[in-house]
Amino acid sequence: QVKLVESGGGLVQPGGSLRLSCVASLRSFSARTMSWFRQAPGKEREWISSINYNSRTYYRDSVKGRFTISRHNAENTTFLQMNNLYFADTATYYCAAQRADYLGSDYGAERLYPYWGQGTQVTVSA
């Protein structure tokens, strides 16, 4: 059974850091683009970062310079290091995986992600 399990969320003060992890029970993990999305209360889910099979990384503008995505293929794990967190980063964060045979670069399109985790809550509060 395919499973993506996120962890690492929590409560943090503004300016603080968190590291999210996503362990994926997926075949051909190293060939897949892995991404993080988030959904804040009352808002639509949004793409925030991706790492492709070649470990090339992509970020939405609002997190560039603060968030770092990485992967450890030997452990089927994707990470999201989040530094200098803002109130606006409060959301449920989701890990998602693309198909191993997808060769495109439309990383922000949710329809291209057949596999999703259950989400982990990140709350930035003083």
C-alpha atoms as a PDB file:
ATOM      1  CA  GLN A   1       0.000   0.000   0.000  1.00  0.00           C
ATOM      2  CA  VAL A   2       1.340   3.370  -0.974  1.00  0.00           C
ATOM      3  CA  LYS A   3       1.857   5.653   1.963  1.00  0.00           C
ATOM      4  CA  LEU A   4       3.410   9.038   2.546  1.00  0.00           C
ATOM      5  CA  VAL A   5       3.870   9.964   6.177  1.00  0.00           C
ATOM      6  CA  GLU A   6       4.837  13.469   7.244  1.00  0.00           C
ATOM      7  CA  SER A   7       6.262  14.420  10.599  1.00  0.00           C
ATOM      8  CA  GLY A   8       8.041  17.305  12.263  1.00  0.00           C
ATOM      9  CA  GLY A   9       5.272  19.870  12.516  1.00  0.00           C
ATOM     10  CA  GLY A  10       4.554  21.781  15.691  1.00  0.00           C
ATOM     11  CA  LEU A  11       4.281  25.123  17.404  1.00  0.00           C
ATOM     12  CA  VAL A  12       7.105  27.586  16.896  1.00  0.00           C
ATOM     13  CA  GLN A  13       7.663  31.277  17.535  1.00  0.00           C
ATOM     14  CA  PRO A  14       8.193  33.744  14.691  1.00  0.00           C
ATOM     15  CA  GLY A  15      11.778  33.517  13.496  1.00  0.00           C
ATOM     16  CA  GLY A  16      12.052  29.922  14.615  1.00  0.00           C
ATOM     17  CA  SER A  17      12.772  26.784  12.626  1.00  0.00           C
ATOM     18  CA  LEU A  18      11.223  23.406  11.956  1.00  0.00           C
ATOM     19  CA  ARG A  19      12.274  20.446   9.851  1.00  0.00           C
ATOM     20  CA  LEU A  20       9.553  18.412   8.202  1.00  0.00           C
ATOM     21  CA  SER A  21      10.117  14.861   7.031  1.00  0.00           C
ATOM     22  CA  CYS A  22       8.155  12.721   4.619  1.00  0.00           C
ATOM     23  CA  VAL A  23       8.753   8.989   4.386  1.00  0.00           C
ATOM     24  CA  ALA A  24       7.310   7.422   1.267  1.00  0.00           C
ATOM     25  CA  SER A  25       6.554   3.750   0.766  1.00  0.00           C
ATOM     26  CA  LEU A  26       6.808   4.047  -2.994  1.00  0.00           C
ATOM     27  CA  ARG A  27       8.610   2.147  -5.687  1.00  0.00           C
ATOM     28  CA  SER A  28      11.087   4.087  -7.759  1.00  0.00           C
ATOM     29  CA  PHE A  29      11.292   6.820  -5.153  1.00  0.00           C
ATOM     30  CA  SER A  30      14.515   8.212  -6.592  1.00  0.00           C
ATOM     31  CA  ALA A  31      12.865   8.722  -9.977  1.00  0.00           C
ATOM     32  CA  ARG A  32       9.998  10.791  -8.618  1.00  0.00           C
ATOM     33  CA  THR A  33       9.633  14.485  -8.102  1.00  0.00           C
ATOM     34  CA  MET A  34       8.696  15.092  -4.477  1.00  0.00           C
ATOM     35  CA  SER A  35       6.952  18.246  -3.393  1.00  0.00           C
ATOM     36  CA  TRP A  36       5.554  20.072  -0.431  1.00  0.00           C
ATOM     37  CA  PHE A  37       2.260  21.910  -0.431  1.00  0.00           C
ATOM     38  CA  ARG A  38       0.489  23.727   2.372  1.00  0.00           C
ATOM     39  CA  GLN A  39      -3.005  24.838   3.205  1.00  0.00           C
ATOM     40  CA  ALA A  40      -3.764  27.647   5.612  1.00  0.00           C
ATOM     41  CA  PRO A  41      -7.174  27.948   7.286  1.00  0.00           C
ATOM     42  CA  GLY A  42      -9.731  29.338   4.868  1.00  0.00           C
ATOM     43  CA  LYS A  43      -7.330  29.253   1.929  1.00  0.00           C
ATOM     44  CA  GLU A  44      -6.659  26.959  -0.981  1.00  0.00           C
ATOM     45  CA  ARG A  45      -3.772  24.556  -0.892  1.00  0.00           C
ATOM     46  CA  GLU A  46      -0.638  25.996  -2.470  1.00  0.00           C
ATOM     47  CA  TRP A  47       2.585  24.578  -3.812  1.00  0.00           C
ATOM     48  CA  ILE A  48       5.706  25.639  -1.946  1.00  0.00           C
ATOM     49  CA  SER A  49       8.637  23.514  -3.081  1.00  0.00           C
ATOM     50  CA  SER A  50       9.753  20.583  -5.231  1.00  0.00           C
ATOM     51  CA  ILE A  51      12.840  18.452  -5.711  1.00  0.00           C
ATOM     52  CA  ASN A  52      13.152  16.414  -8.877  1.00  0.00           C
ATOM     53  CA  TYR A  53      14.898  13.107  -9.549  1.00  0.00           C
ATOM     54  CA  ASN A  54      18.116  15.001 -10.209  1.00  0.00           C
ATOM     55  CA  SER A  55      17.841  16.859  -6.879  1.00  0.00           C
ATOM     56  CA  ARG A  56      17.148  20.123  -8.645  1.00  0.00           C
ATOM     57  CA  THR A  57      15.053  22.290  -6.350  1.00  0.00           C
ATOM     58  CA  TYR A  58      12.258  24.790  -6.880  1.00  0.00           C
ATOM     59  CA  TYR A  59      10.524  27.187  -4.493  1.00  0.00           C
ATOM     60  CA  ARG A  60       7.652  29.628  -4.452  1.00  0.00           C
ATOM     61  CA  ASP A  61       8.881  33.161  -4.020  1.00  0.00           C
ATOM     62  CA  SER A  62       7.556  33.649  -0.499  1.00  0.00           C
ATOM     63  CA  VAL A  63       9.774  30.877   0.921  1.00  0.00           C
ATOM     64  CA  LYS A  64      12.942  31.339  -1.132  1.00  0.00           C
ATOM     65  CA  GLY A  65      15.936  31.838   1.095  1.00  0.00           C
ATOM     66  CA  ARG A  66      14.072  30.507   4.144  1.00  0.00           C
ATOM     67  CA  PHE A  67      13.033  26.971   3.189  1.00  0.00           C
ATOM     68  CA  THR A  68      15.252  24.188   1.862  1.00  0.00           C
ATOM     69  CA  ILE A  69      13.973  20.963   0.325  1.00  0.00           C
ATOM     70  CA  SER A  70      16.166  17.887   0.184  1.00  0.00           C
ATOM     71  CA  ARG A  71      15.889  14.149  -0.275  1.00  0.00           C
ATOM     72  CA  HIS A  72      17.580  11.012   0.969  1.00  0.00           C
ATOM     73  CA  ASN A  73      16.796   8.378  -1.623  1.00  0.00           C
ATOM     74  CA  ALA A  74      18.290   5.485   0.346  1.00  0.00           C
ATOM     75  CA  GLU A  75      15.618   6.083   3.000  1.00  0.00           C
ATOM     76  CA  ASN A  76      12.785   7.188   0.690  1.00  0.00           C
ATOM     77  CA  THR A  77      12.627  10.434   2.607  1.00  0.00           C
ATOM     78  CA  THR A  78      12.077  14.050   1.668  1.00  0.00           C
ATOM     79  CA  PHE A  79      12.802  16.922   4.011  1.00  0.00           C
ATOM     80  CA  LEU A  80      11.718  20.516   4.264  1.00  0.00           C
ATOM     81  CA  GLN A  81      13.927  22.675   6.463  1.00  0.00           C
ATOM     82  CA  MET A  82      12.024  25.836   7.382  1.00  0.00           C
ATOM     83  CA  ASN A  83      13.910  28.746   8.899  1.00  0.00           C
ATOM     84  CA  ASN A  84      12.883  32.245   9.916  1.00  0.00           C
ATOM     85  CA  LEU A  85       9.240  31.258  10.067  1.00  0.00           C
ATOM     86  CA  TYR A  86       6.549  33.906   9.738  1.00  0.00           C
ATOM     87  CA  PHE A  87       2.995  33.975  11.070  1.00  0.00           C
ATOM     88  CA  ALA A  88       1.919  33.531   7.441  1.00  0.00           C
ATOM     89  CA  ASP A  89       3.631  30.132   7.306  1.00  0.00           C
ATOM     90  CA  THR A  90       0.985  28.688   9.627  1.00  0.00           C
ATOM     91  CA  ALA A  91      -0.687  25.876   7.708  1.00  0.00           C
ATOM     92  CA  THR A  92      -1.051  22.171   7.296  1.00  0.00           C
ATOM     93  CA  TYR A  93       1.889  20.943   5.253  1.00  0.00           C
ATOM     94  CA  TYR A  94       1.500  18.073   2.809  1.00  0.00           C
ATOM     95  CA  CYS A  95       4.053  15.923   1.095  1.00  0.00           C
ATOM     96  CA  ALA A  96       3.219  14.696  -2.409  1.00  0.00           C
ATOM     97  CA  ALA A  97       4.826  12.445  -5.002  1.00  0.00           C
ATOM     98  CA  GLN A  98       4.562  12.512  -8.759  1.00  0.00           C
ATOM     99  CA  ARG A  99       4.470   9.467 -10.991  1.00  0.00           C
ATOM    100  CA  ALA A 100       7.898   7.987 -11.653  1.00  0.00           C
ATOM    101  CA  ASP A 101       7.329   8.219 -15.410  1.00  0.00           C
ATOM    102  CA  TYR A 102       6.339  11.897 -15.407  1.00  0.00           C
ATOM    103  CA  LEU A 103       9.059  13.853 -17.163  1.00  0.00           C
ATOM    104  CA  GLY A 104       7.467  17.275 -17.164  1.00  0.00           C
ATOM    105  CA  SER A 105       8.158  20.271 -14.995  1.00  0.00           C
ATOM    106  CA  ASP A 106       4.676  21.373 -13.929  1.00  0.00           C
ATOM    107  CA  TYR A 107       5.529  20.988 -10.278  1.00  0.00           C
ATOM    108  CA  GLY A 108       2.735  23.130  -8.919  1.00  0.00           C
ATOM    109  CA  ALA A 109      -0.147  21.221 -10.504  1.00  0.00           C
ATOM    110  CA  GLU A 110      -1.895  19.138  -7.875  1.00  0.00           C
ATOM    111  CA  ARG A 111      -3.520  16.942 -10.536  1.00  0.00           C
ATOM    112  CA  LEU A 112      -0.059  15.543 -11.330  1.00  0.00           C
ATOM    113  CA  TYR A 113       0.388  14.139  -7.834  1.00  0.00           C
ATOM    114  CA  PRO A 114      -1.357  10.804  -7.308  1.00  0.00           C
ATOM    115  CA  TYR A 115       0.186  10.279  -3.876  1.00  0.00           C
ATOM    116  CA  TRP A 116      -0.320  12.486  -0.837  1.00  0.00           C
ATOM    117  CA  GLY A 117       0.438  12.372   2.843  1.00  0.00           C
ATOM    118  CA  GLN A 118      -2.057  13.132   5.583  1.00  0.00           C
ATOM    119  CA  GLY A 119      -0.438  16.446   6.484  1.00  0.00           C
ATOM    120  CA  THR A 120       1.397  17.851   9.467  1.00  0.00           C
ATOM    121  CA  GLN A 121       0.385  21.049  11.240  1.00  0.00           C
ATOM    122  CA  VAL A 122       2.790  23.967  11.519  1.00  0.00           C
ATOM    123  CA  THR A 123       1.716  26.826  13.765  1.00  0.00           C
ATOM    124  CA  VAL A 124       3.765  29.989  14.059  1.00  0.00           C
ATOM    125  CA  SER A 125       2.659  31.944  17.095  1.00  0.00           C
ATOM    126  CA  ALA A 126       4.125  34.215  19.727  1.00  0.00           C
END
